[in-house]
Protein backbone atom coordinates (compact mmCIF):
# COMPACT_ATOMS: atom_id res chain seq x y z
CA PRO A 1 52.76 -60.82 23.82
CA TYR A 2 50.16 -58.37 22.62
CA VAL A 3 46.43 -58.06 22.19
CA ILE A 4 44.61 -56.95 19.05
CA VAL A 5 41.01 -55.86 19.55
CA CYS A 6 38.77 -56.11 16.49
CA ASN A 7 35.10 -55.20 16.48
CA HIS A 8 33.93 -56.44 13.13
CA GLN A 9 30.45 -55.48 12.06
CA ALA A 10 29.81 -58.01 9.28
CA SER A 11 30.87 -61.55 8.44
CA LEU A 12 32.91 -60.27 5.48
CA ASP A 13 35.17 -58.34 7.86
CA LEU A 14 36.60 -61.65 9.03
CA MET A 15 38.34 -62.19 5.68
CA GLY A 16 40.13 -58.86 6.01
CA MET A 17 41.08 -59.55 9.62
CA VAL A 18 42.66 -62.89 8.66
CA GLU A 19 45.03 -61.07 6.31
CA VAL A 20 46.10 -58.54 8.96
CA ILE A 21 46.37 -60.71 12.08
CA PRO A 22 49.82 -62.31 12.69
CA ASP A 23 50.29 -66.07 12.16
CA ARG A 24 50.59 -67.08 15.83
CA CYS A 25 47.58 -65.06 16.95
CA VAL A 26 44.70 -66.87 18.66
CA PRO A 27 41.31 -65.18 18.53
CA ILE A 28 38.83 -64.97 21.39
CA ALA A 29 35.18 -65.31 20.42
CA LYS A 30 31.83 -65.34 22.16
CA LYS A 31 30.70 -68.76 23.31
CA GLU A 32 27.55 -68.62 21.17
CA LEU A 33 29.67 -69.18 18.04
CA MET A 34 30.56 -72.65 19.30
CA TYR A 35 26.94 -73.75 18.75
CA MET A 36 26.66 -72.56 15.12
CA GLY A 37 27.08 -75.95 13.43
CA THR A 38 29.94 -76.13 10.96
CA VAL A 39 31.20 -72.67 11.91
CA GLY A 40 31.42 -73.74 15.55
CA TRP A 41 33.34 -76.91 14.70
CA ALA A 42 35.78 -74.96 12.51
CA CYS A 43 36.33 -72.37 15.26
CA TRP A 44 36.85 -75.05 17.90
CA LEU A 45 39.29 -77.03 15.73
CA SER A 46 41.29 -73.90 14.88
CA GLY A 47 41.91 -73.20 18.58
CA ILE A 48 39.68 -70.21 19.19
CA ILE A 49 39.24 -69.38 22.88
CA PHE A 50 35.54 -69.05 23.72
CA ILE A 51 34.26 -66.75 26.47
CA ASP A 52 30.78 -66.49 27.94
CA ARG A 53 29.89 -62.81 27.78
CA HIS A 54 26.82 -63.30 29.98
CA LYS A 55 28.88 -64.63 32.92
CA ARG A 56 31.38 -61.88 33.67
CA GLU A 57 33.41 -63.84 36.25
CA ASP A 58 33.79 -66.84 33.94
CA ALA A 59 34.94 -64.61 31.07
CA ILE A 60 37.50 -62.90 33.30
CA ASN A 61 38.77 -66.30 34.50
CA VAL A 62 39.22 -67.60 30.95
CA ILE A 63 41.08 -64.49 29.84
CA SER A 64 43.24 -64.47 33.00
CA GLN A 65 44.15 -68.15 32.54
CA THR A 66 45.07 -67.46 28.92
CA ALA A 67 47.31 -64.56 29.97
CA ARG A 68 49.02 -66.72 32.63
CA THR A 69 49.65 -69.46 30.08
CA MET A 70 51.10 -66.92 27.64
CA ARG A 71 53.49 -65.58 30.29
CA HIS A 72 54.43 -69.02 31.65
CA GLU A 73 55.17 -70.54 28.24
CA ASN A 74 56.62 -67.28 26.88
CA VAL A 75 54.43 -67.37 23.78
CA ARG A 76 52.71 -64.67 21.79
């Protein structure tokens, strides 16, 4: 397992990131994206993991649970 950190500055950067990121990679996004209409639905359906950046403990718990699942199921 590995982590790729991308700090894109514009919405067009996403198209470039999709070409570079491996097939079995699951992105983590801020929770606010979930409420952006069609974009939120598409993100949710594609399996993006949402974190609440305003609640530090909740964000840490989500990321920790994801890491435990990755180790337990031996997935990337």
